[in-house]
């Protein structure tokens, strides 16, 4: 189960929020911020805002049954919260519509079956400046990896006298869609020689995943030997072309390669039928040669 990082965002958030609250707030000593002219407390989402959009992408493995993301509210004021301050929070369809109106990648609402979010409020306790972690449960294995989905959550109401931040009041959780992402069958064939003539030494078929990394790139890790591939392409109004595959050097140790004599060469790239095949060759520390053909066929 994976959790979003909280502490690394605090400094960035403070700079952004306090910088936008009032033109009267300024540094009066090196590395210090003068809050003496702050007129009202402001609440925001620590991990939220469009400036942090990239870090709000949900990159959980598509095979995960359940994962948890956490976010926090920040109470920015001259002093800590004088009492328990309770803020309303909710999934915000309007934020999704507004975001899609900005142009660029469009997102669909994340289906209800793909997440659980039961919180309707969050509290910054007396004497504190941050709320306790607020959980959102996601079910990655239920998400259609070929589509772009978003789950925006916003602060919708604050106690009297507390301002809701105008630019960091929403967290834009989103799944990156990719037209070739999804469930595949991997056929893995290995020849214990420097070419692929004759019958393979090993021939296995297992379920696998094309996991979206960007709208035009997926990753796939071989079930058989752990080789990690990145498969990219060009998408021109739904027509996919210019396929390319790379073998991630960080995965060489998984299958004992000391050198790769032939980087992956695409044999088949058929997005219509969902078939992708490529060959690569490498050597072990002993000098023994290996040749492998990977074929991935999308499961309907």
C-alpha atoms as a PDB file:
ATOM      1  CA  UNK A   1       0.000   0.000   0.000  1.00  0.00           C
ATOM      2  CA  UNK A   2       1.463   3.329  -1.057  1.00  0.00           C
ATOM      3  CA  UNK A   3       1.006   6.716   0.542  1.00  0.00           C
ATOM      4  CA  UNK A   4       1.556  10.230  -0.769  1.00  0.00           C
ATOM      5  CA  UNK A   5       4.500  12.175   0.599  1.00  0.00           C
ATOM      6  CA  UNK A   6       3.497  14.956   2.996  1.00  0.00           C
ATOM      7  CA  UNK A   7       6.566  16.512   4.555  1.00  0.00           C
ATOM      8  CA  UNK A   8       8.360  17.345   1.328  1.00  0.00           C
ATOM      9  CA  UNK A   9       5.530  19.656   0.277  1.00  0.00           C
ATOM     10  CA  UNK A  10       5.273  21.838   3.368  1.00  0.00           C
ATOM     11  CA  UNK A  11       7.974  24.343   2.478  1.00  0.00           C
ATOM     12  CA  UNK A  12       6.720  24.737  -1.101  1.00  0.00           C
ATOM     13  CA  UNK A  13       3.169  25.208   0.063  1.00  0.00           C
ATOM     14  CA  UNK A  14       4.110  27.859   2.587  1.00  0.00           C
ATOM     15  CA  UNK A  15       5.922  29.878  -0.044  1.00  0.00           C
ATOM     16  CA  UNK A  16       3.014  29.692  -2.499  1.00  0.00           C
ATOM     17  CA  UNK A  17       0.181  30.389  -0.075  1.00  0.00           C
ATOM     18  CA  UNK A  18       1.789  33.077   1.986  1.00  0.00           C
ATOM     19  CA  UNK A  19       3.040  34.777  -1.143  1.00  0.00           C
ATOM     20  CA  UNK A  20      -0.511  35.086  -2.443  1.00  0.00           C
ATOM     21  CA  UNK A  21      -2.351  36.071   0.725  1.00  0.00           C
ATOM     22  CA  UNK A  22      -1.372  39.694   0.912  1.00  0.00           C
ATOM     23  CA  UNK A  23       1.012  42.088  -0.758  1.00  0.00           C
ATOM     24  CA  UNK A  24       1.820  43.337   2.714  1.00  0.00           C
ATOM     25  CA  UNK A  25       3.481  40.069   3.715  1.00  0.00           C
ATOM     26  CA  UNK A  26       7.186  40.276   3.030  1.00  0.00           C
ATOM     27  CA  UNK A  27      10.504  38.993   4.288  1.00  0.00           C
ATOM     28  CA  UNK A  28      11.694  41.250   7.090  1.00  0.00           C
ATOM     29  CA  UNK A  29      14.694  39.140   8.114  1.00  0.00           C
ATOM     30  CA  UNK A  30      16.629  36.659   6.065  1.00  0.00           C
ATOM     31  CA  UNK A  31      14.695  33.377   5.801  1.00  0.00           C
ATOM     32  CA  UNK A  32      11.784  34.714   7.868  1.00  0.00           C
ATOM     33  CA  UNK A  33       8.298  35.823   6.812  1.00  0.00           C
ATOM     34  CA  UNK A  34       6.433  38.718   8.397  1.00  0.00           C
ATOM     35  CA  UNK A  35       2.834  37.702   9.163  1.00  0.00           C
ATOM     36  CA  UNK A  36       1.991  40.784  11.203  1.00  0.00           C
ATOM     37  CA  UNK A  37      -0.247  42.258   8.497  1.00  0.00           C
ATOM     38  CA  UNK A  38      -2.087  39.027   7.678  1.00  0.00           C
ATOM     39  CA  UNK A  39      -5.753  39.994   7.996  1.00  0.00           C
ATOM     40  CA  UNK A  40      -7.403  36.555   7.984  1.00  0.00           C
ATOM     41  CA  UNK A  41      -6.499  32.936   8.375  1.00  0.00           C
ATOM     42  CA  UNK A  42      -6.452  30.949   5.149  1.00  0.00           C
ATOM     43  CA  UNK A  43      -6.999  27.233   4.603  1.00  0.00           C
ATOM     44  CA  UNK A  44      -5.541  25.226   1.751  1.00  0.00           C
ATOM     45  CA  UNK A  45      -4.717  21.662   0.708  1.00  0.00           C
ATOM     46  CA  UNK A  46      -1.026  20.999   1.276  1.00  0.00           C
ATOM     47  CA  UNK A  47      -0.647  18.645  -1.681  1.00  0.00           C
ATOM     48  CA  UNK A  48      -3.170  20.479  -3.894  1.00  0.00           C
ATOM     49  CA  UNK A  49      -3.191  23.176  -6.540  1.00  0.00           C
ATOM     50  CA  UNK A  50      -2.511  23.032 -10.253  1.00  0.00           C
ATOM     51  CA  UNK A  51       1.137  23.924  -9.700  1.00  0.00           C
ATOM     52  CA  UNK A  52       1.540  20.455  -8.141  1.00  0.00           C
ATOM     53  CA  UNK A  53      -0.620  18.689 -10.737  1.00  0.00           C
ATOM     54  CA  UNK A  54       2.120  16.266 -11.772  1.00  0.00           C
ATOM     55  CA  UNK A  55       2.577  14.952  -8.242  1.00  0.00           C
ATOM     56  CA  UNK A  56      -1.179  14.261  -8.036  1.00  0.00           C
ATOM     57  CA  UNK A  57      -0.981  11.651 -10.819  1.00  0.00           C
ATOM     58  CA  UNK A  58      -1.884   8.184  -9.530  1.00  0.00           C
ATOM     59  CA  UNK A  59       0.755   5.786 -10.835  1.00  0.00           C
ATOM     60  CA  UNK A  60      -0.213   2.715  -8.859  1.00  0.00           C
ATOM     61  CA  UNK A  61       0.443  -0.638 -10.566  1.00  0.00           C
ATOM     62  CA  UNK A  62      -2.650  -1.662 -12.513  1.00  0.00           C
ATOM     63  CA  UNK A  63      -2.627  -5.002 -10.702  1.00  0.00           C
ATOM     64  CA  UNK A  64      -3.038  -3.406  -7.258  1.00  0.00           C
ATOM     65  CA  UNK A  65      -6.364  -4.222  -5.645  1.00  0.00           C
ATOM     66  CA  UNK A  66      -6.269  -1.270  -3.251  1.00  0.00           C
ATOM     67  CA  UNK A  67      -4.026   1.737  -2.560  1.00  0.00           C
ATOM     68  CA  UNK A  68      -4.384   4.721  -0.257  1.00  0.00           C
ATOM     69  CA  UNK A  69      -3.537   8.362  -0.994  1.00  0.00           C
ATOM     70  CA  UNK A  70      -3.369  10.943   1.804  1.00  0.00           C
ATOM     71  CA  UNK A  71      -3.783  14.698   1.818  1.00  0.00           C
ATOM     72  CA  UNK A  72      -3.811  17.364   4.533  1.00  0.00           C
ATOM     73  CA  UNK A  73      -5.305  20.781   5.177  1.00  0.00           C
ATOM     74  CA  UNK A  74      -3.106  23.706   6.176  1.00  0.00           C
ATOM     75  CA  UNK A  75      -4.282  26.530   8.447  1.00  0.00           C
ATOM     76  CA  UNK A  76      -2.142  29.583   7.614  1.00  0.00           C
ATOM     77  CA  UNK A  77      -2.356  32.434  10.095  1.00  0.00           C
ATOM     78  CA  UNK A  78      -0.292  34.564  12.473  1.00  0.00           C
ATOM     79  CA  UNK A  79      -1.033  32.044  15.220  1.00  0.00           C
ATOM     80  CA  UNK A  80      -2.019  28.404  15.432  1.00  0.00           C
ATOM     81  CA  UNK A  81      -5.697  27.465  15.327  1.00  0.00           C
ATOM     82  CA  UNK A  82      -7.366  29.052  18.406  1.00  0.00           C
ATOM     83  CA  UNK A  83     -10.010  26.298  18.499  1.00  0.00           C
ATOM     84  CA  UNK A  84     -10.906  23.149  16.584  1.00  0.00           C
ATOM     85  CA  UNK A  85     -11.551  24.462  13.069  1.00  0.00           C
ATOM     86  CA  UNK A  86     -13.778  22.211  10.979  1.00  0.00           C
ATOM     87  CA  UNK A  87     -13.768  22.473   7.178  1.00  0.00           C
ATOM     88  CA  UNK A  88     -16.133  20.842   4.680  1.00  0.00           C
ATOM     89  CA  UNK A  89     -14.504  18.806   1.908  1.00  0.00           C
ATOM     90  CA  UNK A  90     -16.059  16.963  -1.031  1.00  0.00           C
ATOM     91  CA  UNK A  91     -15.518  15.525  -4.484  1.00  0.00           C
ATOM     92  CA  UNK A  92     -15.835  18.543  -6.771  1.00  0.00           C
ATOM     93  CA  UNK A  93     -17.267  17.938 -10.281  1.00  0.00           C
ATOM     94  CA  UNK A  94     -17.093  21.678 -10.991  1.00  0.00           C
ATOM     95  CA  UNK A  95     -13.309  21.592 -10.582  1.00  0.00           C
ATOM     96  CA  UNK A  96     -13.129  18.857 -13.227  1.00  0.00           C
ATOM     97  CA  UNK A  97     -15.225  20.912 -15.656  1.00  0.00           C
ATOM     98  CA  UNK A  98     -13.073  23.975 -15.014  1.00  0.00           C
ATOM     99  CA  UNK A  99      -9.853  22.036 -15.536  1.00  0.00           C
ATOM    100  CA  UNK A 100     -11.058  20.509 -18.806  1.00  0.00           C
ATOM    101  CA  UNK A 101     -11.947  24.003 -19.980  1.00  0.00           C
ATOM    102  CA  UNK A 102      -8.302  25.042 -19.772  1.00  0.00           C
ATOM    103  CA  UNK A 103      -7.414  22.987 -22.846  1.00  0.00           C
ATOM    104  CA  UNK A 104      -4.907  20.161 -23.133  1.00  0.00           C
ATOM    105  CA  UNK A 105      -5.586  16.640 -21.893  1.00  0.00           C
ATOM    106  CA  UNK A 106      -9.267  16.051 -21.054  1.00  0.00           C
ATOM    107  CA  UNK A 107     -10.338  13.877 -18.125  1.00  0.00           C
ATOM    108  CA  UNK A 108     -13.458  11.875 -17.350  1.00  0.00           C
ATOM    109  CA  UNK A 109     -14.881  11.588 -13.823  1.00  0.00           C
ATOM    110  CA  UNK A 110     -13.374   8.622 -12.004  1.00  0.00           C
ATOM    111  CA  UNK A 111     -16.120   5.974 -11.711  1.00  0.00           C
ATOM    112  CA  UNK A 112     -17.515   5.392  -8.233  1.00  0.00           C
ATOM    113  CA  UNK A 113     -16.391   1.764  -8.353  1.00  0.00           C
ATOM    114  CA  UNK A 114     -12.753   2.851  -8.573  1.00  0.00           C
ATOM    115  CA  UNK A 115     -12.475   4.744  -5.295  1.00  0.00           C
ATOM    116  CA  UNK A 116     -13.883   5.235  -1.808  1.00  0.00           C
ATOM    117  CA  UNK A 117     -13.966   8.657  -0.182  1.00  0.00           C
ATOM    118  CA  UNK A 118     -16.184   8.942   2.873  1.00  0.00           C
ATOM    119  CA  UNK A 119     -14.845  12.078   4.568  1.00  0.00           C
ATOM    120  CA  UNK A 120     -17.115  15.102   4.477  1.00  0.00           C
ATOM    121  CA  UNK A 121     -15.019  17.291   6.754  1.00  0.00           C
ATOM    122  CA  UNK A 122     -11.508  17.709   8.121  1.00  0.00           C
ATOM    123  CA  UNK A 123     -10.386  19.345  11.358  1.00  0.00           C
ATOM    124  CA  UNK A 124      -7.368  21.437  12.209  1.00  0.00           C
ATOM    125  CA  UNK A 125      -7.264  20.923  15.958  1.00  0.00           C
ATOM    126  CA  UNK A 126      -6.741  23.693  18.478  1.00  0.00           C
ATOM    127  CA  UNK A 127      -3.087  24.631  18.677  1.00  0.00           C
ATOM    128  CA  UNK A 128      -2.273  23.033  15.316  1.00  0.00           C
ATOM    129  CA  UNK A 129      -1.684  24.269  11.760  1.00  0.00           C
ATOM    130  CA  UNK A 130      -2.278  21.017   9.863  1.00  0.00           C
ATOM    131  CA  UNK A 131      -5.084  18.491   9.833  1.00  0.00           C
ATOM    132  CA  UNK A 132      -4.606  14.788  10.356  1.00  0.00           C
ATOM    133  CA  UNK A 133      -4.085  12.812   7.117  1.00  0.00           C
ATOM    134  CA  UNK A 134      -7.258  12.472   5.054  1.00  0.00           C
ATOM    135  CA  UNK A 135      -7.407   9.137   3.199  1.00  0.00           C
ATOM    136  CA  UNK A 136      -8.733   8.394  -0.280  1.00  0.00           C
ATOM    137  CA  UNK A 137      -8.937   4.719  -1.230  1.00  0.00           C
ATOM    138  CA  UNK A 138      -8.328   3.716  -4.861  1.00  0.00           C
ATOM    139  CA  UNK A 139      -8.857   0.389  -6.635  1.00  0.00           C
ATOM    140  CA  UNK A 140      -6.364   0.468  -9.552  1.00  0.00           C
ATOM    141  CA  UNK A 141      -7.289  -2.958 -10.924  1.00  0.00           C
ATOM    142  CA  UNK A 142     -10.792  -1.631 -11.649  1.00  0.00           C
ATOM    143  CA  UNK A 143      -9.574   1.407 -13.596  1.00  0.00           C
ATOM    144  CA  UNK A 144      -9.693   1.353 -17.407  1.00  0.00           C
ATOM    145  CA  UNK A 145      -6.029   2.151 -18.098  1.00  0.00           C
ATOM    146  CA  UNK A 146      -6.808   3.427 -21.596  1.00  0.00           C
ATOM    147  CA  UNK A 147      -8.768   6.445 -20.296  1.00  0.00           C
ATOM    148  CA  UNK A 148      -7.903   9.662 -18.483  1.00  0.00           C
ATOM    149  CA  UNK A 149      -9.756   9.896 -15.178  1.00  0.00           C
ATOM    150  CA  UNK A 150      -9.810  12.605 -12.527  1.00  0.00           C
ATOM    151  CA  UNK A 151     -11.061  12.776  -8.951  1.00  0.00           C
ATOM    152  CA  UNK A 152     -10.847  16.404  -7.773  1.00  0.00           C
ATOM    153  CA  UNK A 153     -11.496  17.014  -4.067  1.00  0.00           C
ATOM    154  CA  UNK A 154     -11.992  20.548  -2.773  1.00  0.00           C
ATOM    155  CA  UNK A 155     -12.447  22.489   0.416  1.00  0.00           C
ATOM    156  CA  UNK A 156     -16.032  23.654   0.062  1.00  0.00           C
ATOM    157  CA  UNK A 157     -16.695  25.539   3.293  1.00  0.00           C
ATOM    158  CA  UNK A 158     -14.703  27.145   6.102  1.00  0.00           C
ATOM    159  CA  UNK A 159     -15.669  28.632   9.482  1.00  0.00           C
ATOM    160  CA  UNK A 160     -16.486  32.323   9.595  1.00  0.00           C
ATOM    161  CA  UNK A 161     -13.397  34.488   9.362  1.00  0.00           C
ATOM    162  CA  UNK A 162     -11.273  31.890   7.561  1.00  0.00           C
ATOM    163  CA  UNK A 163     -10.596  32.325   3.837  1.00  0.00           C
ATOM    164  CA  UNK A 164     -10.422  29.353   1.472  1.00  0.00           C
ATOM    165  CA  UNK A 165      -7.306  29.619  -0.697  1.00  0.00           C
ATOM    166  CA  UNK A 166      -8.154  30.684  -4.241  1.00  0.00           C
ATOM    167  CA  UNK A 167      -5.477  28.554  -5.910  1.00  0.00           C
ATOM    168  CA  UNK A 168      -4.689  25.652  -3.559  1.00  0.00           C
ATOM    169  CA  UNK A 169      -8.129  24.523  -2.423  1.00  0.00           C
ATOM    170  CA  UNK A 170      -8.409  21.496  -4.725  1.00  0.00           C
ATOM    171  CA  UNK A 171      -6.362  18.344  -5.139  1.00  0.00           C
ATOM    172  CA  UNK A 172      -6.575  16.884  -8.641  1.00  0.00           C
ATOM    173  CA  UNK A 173      -6.077  13.143  -8.285  1.00  0.00           C
ATOM    174  CA  UNK A 174      -5.864  11.694 -11.782  1.00  0.00           C
ATOM    175  CA  UNK A 175      -5.059   8.531 -13.712  1.00  0.00           C
ATOM    176  CA  UNK A 176      -3.125   8.973 -16.953  1.00  0.00           C
ATOM    177  CA  UNK A 177      -4.907   7.205 -19.797  1.00  0.00           C
ATOM    178  CA  UNK A 178      -3.103   5.540 -22.653  1.00  0.00           C
ATOM    179  CA  UNK A 179      -4.737   3.834 -25.679  1.00  0.00           C
ATOM    180  CA  UNK A 180      -2.482   0.768 -25.555  1.00  0.00           C
ATOM    181  CA  UNK A 181      -2.442   0.354 -21.767  1.00  0.00           C
ATOM    182  CA  UNK A 182      -4.248  -2.559 -20.163  1.00  0.00           C
ATOM    183  CA  UNK A 183      -4.099  -6.322 -19.691  1.00  0.00           C
ATOM    184  CA  UNK A 184      -1.978  -8.463 -22.026  1.00  0.00           C
ATOM    185  CA  UNK A 185      -0.727 -12.001 -22.442  1.00  0.00           C
ATOM    186  CA  UNK A 186       3.064 -12.143 -22.611  1.00  0.00           C
ATOM    187  CA  UNK A 187       4.687 -14.860 -24.730  1.00  0.00           C
ATOM    188  CA  UNK A 188       8.364 -15.105 -23.764  1.00  0.00           C
ATOM    189  CA  UNK A 189      10.755 -17.147 -25.856  1.00  0.00           C
ATOM    190  CA  UNK A 190      14.463 -17.514 -25.119  1.00  0.00           C
ATOM    191  CA  UNK A 191      17.214 -19.038 -27.208  1.00  0.00           C
ATOM    192  CA  UNK A 192      20.470 -19.910 -25.439  1.00  0.00           C
ATOM    193  CA  UNK A 193      22.447 -18.672 -28.409  1.00  0.00           C
ATOM    194  CA  UNK A 194      23.182 -15.480 -30.341  1.00  0.00           C
ATOM    195  CA  UNK A 195      20.259 -15.803 -32.766  1.00  0.00           C
ATOM    196  CA  UNK A 196      16.664 -17.029 -32.877  1.00  0.00           C
ATOM    197  CA  UNK A 197      17.016 -19.904 -35.340  1.00  0.00           C
ATOM    198  CA  UNK A 198      15.516 -23.238 -34.443  1.00  0.00           C
ATOM    199  CA  UNK A 199      13.196 -23.975 -31.534  1.00  0.00           C
ATOM    200  CA  UNK A 200      13.495 -21.751 -28.450  1.00  0.00           C
ATOM    201  CA  UNK A 201      15.071 -23.196 -25.323  1.00  0.00           C
ATOM    202  CA  UNK A 202      12.208 -21.804 -23.252  1.00  0.00           C
ATOM    203  CA  UNK A 203       8.687 -20.778 -24.244  1.00  0.00           C
ATOM    204  CA  UNK A 204       6.265 -19.404 -21.638  1.00  0.00           C
ATOM    205  CA  UNK A 205       2.991 -17.458 -21.722  1.00  0.00           C
ATOM    206  CA  UNK A 206       1.653 -15.468 -18.748  1.00  0.00           C
ATOM    207  CA  UNK A 207      -0.668 -12.517 -18.035  1.00  0.00           C
ATOM    208  CA  UNK A 208       1.007  -9.117 -17.941  1.00  0.00           C
ATOM    209  CA  UNK A 209       0.216  -5.388 -17.869  1.00  0.00           C
ATOM    210  CA  UNK A 210       1.010  -2.377 -20.047  1.00  0.00           C
ATOM    211  CA  UNK A 211       1.103   0.351 -17.383  1.00  0.00           C
ATOM    212  CA  UNK A 212       0.649   3.961 -18.568  1.00  0.00           C
ATOM    213  CA  UNK A 213       3.586   6.270 -17.880  1.00  0.00           C
ATOM    214  CA  UNK A 214       2.364   9.124 -20.086  1.00  0.00           C
ATOM    215  CA  UNK A 215      -0.459   9.392 -22.651  1.00  0.00           C
ATOM    216  CA  UNK A 216       1.999   8.068 -25.265  1.00  0.00           C
ATOM    217  CA  UNK A 217       4.229   5.695 -23.305  1.00  0.00           C
ATOM    218  CA  UNK A 218       3.698   2.501 -21.324  1.00  0.00           C
ATOM    219  CA  UNK A 219       5.982   0.246 -19.328  1.00  0.00           C
ATOM    220  CA  UNK A 220       5.956  -3.548 -19.191  1.00  0.00           C
ATOM    221  CA  UNK A 221       8.081  -5.772 -16.981  1.00  0.00           C
ATOM    222  CA  UNK A 222       8.576  -9.317 -18.233  1.00  0.00           C
ATOM    223  CA  UNK A 223       7.019 -11.859 -15.907  1.00  0.00           C
ATOM    224  CA  UNK A 224       9.705 -14.367 -16.860  1.00  0.00           C
ATOM    225  CA  UNK A 225      12.963 -12.477 -16.369  1.00  0.00           C
ATOM    226  CA  UNK A 226      12.100  -9.014 -15.010  1.00  0.00           C
ATOM    227  CA  UNK A 227      13.300  -7.080 -18.057  1.00  0.00           C
ATOM    228  CA  UNK A 228      11.656  -3.640 -17.991  1.00  0.00           C
ATOM    229  CA  UNK A 229      10.548  -2.107 -21.284  1.00  0.00           C
ATOM    230  CA  UNK A 230       9.290   1.362 -22.160  1.00  0.00           C
ATOM    231  CA  UNK A 231       7.108   1.429 -25.265  1.00  0.00           C
ATOM    232  CA  UNK A 232       6.367   4.823 -26.800  1.00  0.00           C
ATOM    233  CA  UNK A 233       4.448   5.997 -29.841  1.00  0.00           C
ATOM    234  CA  UNK A 234       2.919   8.980 -31.600  1.00  0.00           C
ATOM    235  CA  UNK A 235      -0.829   9.549 -31.363  1.00  0.00           C
ATOM    236  CA  UNK A 236      -2.176  11.667 -34.231  1.00  0.00           C
ATOM    237  CA  UNK A 237      -5.910  12.121 -33.688  1.00  0.00           C
ATOM    238  CA  UNK A 238      -6.256   8.507 -32.619  1.00  0.00           C
ATOM    239  CA  UNK A 239      -3.917   7.063 -35.253  1.00  0.00           C
ATOM    240  CA  UNK A 240      -0.935   5.452 -33.519  1.00  0.00           C
ATOM    241  CA  UNK A 241       2.461   5.301 -35.218  1.00  0.00           C
ATOM    242  CA  UNK A 242       6.239   5.621 -34.711  1.00  0.00           C
ATOM    243  CA  UNK A 243       6.427   2.871 -32.116  1.00  0.00           C
ATOM    244  CA  UNK A 244       9.677   2.551 -30.205  1.00  0.00           C
ATOM    245  CA  UNK A 245      10.794   0.229 -27.411  1.00  0.00           C
ATOM    246  CA  UNK A 246      13.721   0.577 -25.007  1.00  0.00           C
ATOM    247  CA  UNK A 247      15.144  -1.842 -22.456  1.00  0.00           C
ATOM    248  CA  UNK A 248      15.655  -0.105 -19.112  1.00  0.00           C
ATOM    249  CA  UNK A 249      19.300  -0.587 -17.988  1.00  0.00           C
ATOM    250  CA  UNK A 250      18.187  -0.644 -14.366  1.00  0.00           C
ATOM    251  CA  UNK A 251      16.580  -4.039 -15.027  1.00  0.00           C
ATOM    252  CA  UNK A 252      19.644  -5.756 -16.562  1.00  0.00           C
ATOM    253  CA  UNK A 253      20.601  -7.291 -13.226  1.00  0.00           C
ATOM    254  CA  UNK A 254      17.217  -9.023 -13.063  1.00  0.00           C
ATOM    255  CA  UNK A 255      18.189 -11.344 -15.904  1.00  0.00           C
ATOM    256  CA  UNK A 256      21.969 -11.404 -15.428  1.00  0.00           C
ATOM    257  CA  UNK A 257      22.955  -9.307 -18.444  1.00  0.00           C
ATOM    258  CA  UNK A 258      26.403  -7.727 -18.429  1.00  0.00           C
ATOM    259  CA  UNK A 259      26.003  -6.303 -21.926  1.00  0.00           C
ATOM    260  CA  UNK A 260      23.233  -5.952 -24.491  1.00  0.00           C
ATOM    261  CA  UNK A 261      24.467  -6.862 -27.945  1.00  0.00           C
ATOM    262  CA  UNK A 262      21.184  -5.897 -29.630  1.00  0.00           C
ATOM    263  CA  UNK A 263      18.791  -3.369 -28.193  1.00  0.00           C
ATOM    264  CA  UNK A 264      15.100  -4.239 -28.654  1.00  0.00           C
ATOM    265  CA  UNK A 265      14.036  -4.218 -32.301  1.00  0.00           C
ATOM    266  CA  UNK A 266      10.308  -4.090 -33.034  1.00  0.00           C
ATOM    267  CA  UNK A 267       9.007  -6.998 -35.071  1.00  0.00           C
ATOM    268  CA  UNK A 268       5.296  -6.158 -34.802  1.00  0.00           C
ATOM    269  CA  UNK A 269       3.467  -3.058 -33.603  1.00  0.00           C
ATOM    270  CA  UNK A 270      -0.237  -3.536 -34.331  1.00  0.00           C
ATOM    271  CA  UNK A 271      -2.455  -1.281 -32.202  1.00  0.00           C
ATOM    272  CA  UNK A 272      -5.585  -2.353 -34.111  1.00  0.00           C
ATOM    273  CA  UNK A 273      -5.232  -5.977 -33.003  1.00  0.00           C
ATOM    274  CA  UNK A 274      -3.226  -5.188 -29.873  1.00  0.00           C
ATOM    275  CA  UNK A 275      -0.097  -7.169 -30.767  1.00  0.00           C
ATOM    276  CA  UNK A 276       3.445  -5.979 -30.002  1.00  0.00           C
ATOM    277  CA  UNK A 277       6.564  -8.073 -30.531  1.00  0.00           C
ATOM    278  CA  UNK A 278      10.277  -7.337 -30.347  1.00  0.00           C
ATOM    279  CA  UNK A 279      13.624  -9.135 -30.149  1.00  0.00           C
ATOM    280  CA  UNK A 280      16.714  -8.313 -28.089  1.00  0.00           C
ATOM    281  CA  UNK A 281      20.032 -10.041 -27.345  1.00  0.00           C
ATOM    282  CA  UNK A 282      22.489  -9.938 -24.456  1.00  0.00           C
ATOM    283  CA  UNK A 283      25.408 -11.723 -22.816  1.00  0.00           C
ATOM    284  CA  UNK A 284      25.890 -13.131 -19.324  1.00  0.00           C
ATOM    285  CA  UNK A 285      28.991 -12.662 -17.186  1.00  0.00           C
ATOM    286  CA  UNK A 286      30.182 -16.048 -18.424  1.00  0.00           C
ATOM    287  CA  UNK A 287      30.022 -14.786 -21.994  1.00  0.00           C
ATOM    288  CA  UNK A 288      27.062 -17.010 -22.857  1.00  0.00           C
ATOM    289  CA  UNK A 289      24.705 -15.437 -25.393  1.00  0.00           C
ATOM    290  CA  UNK A 290      20.960 -15.100 -25.021  1.00  0.00           C
ATOM    291  CA  UNK A 291      18.292 -14.065 -27.554  1.00  0.00           C
ATOM    292  CA  UNK A 292      14.740 -13.282 -26.556  1.00  0.00           C
ATOM    293  CA  UNK A 293      11.533 -12.532 -28.441  1.00  0.00           C
ATOM    294  CA  UNK A 294       8.782 -10.886 -26.395  1.00  0.00           C
ATOM    295  CA  UNK A 295       5.251 -10.849 -27.788  1.00  0.00           C
ATOM    296  CA  UNK A 296       2.401  -9.078 -26.009  1.00  0.00           C
ATOM    297  CA  UNK A 297      -1.204  -9.619 -27.095  1.00  0.00           C
ATOM    298  CA  UNK A 298      -3.917  -7.467 -25.583  1.00  0.00           C
ATOM    299  CA  UNK A 299      -6.683  -9.297 -23.742  1.00  0.00           C
ATOM    300  CA  UNK A 300     -10.108  -8.151 -25.052  1.00  0.00           C
END
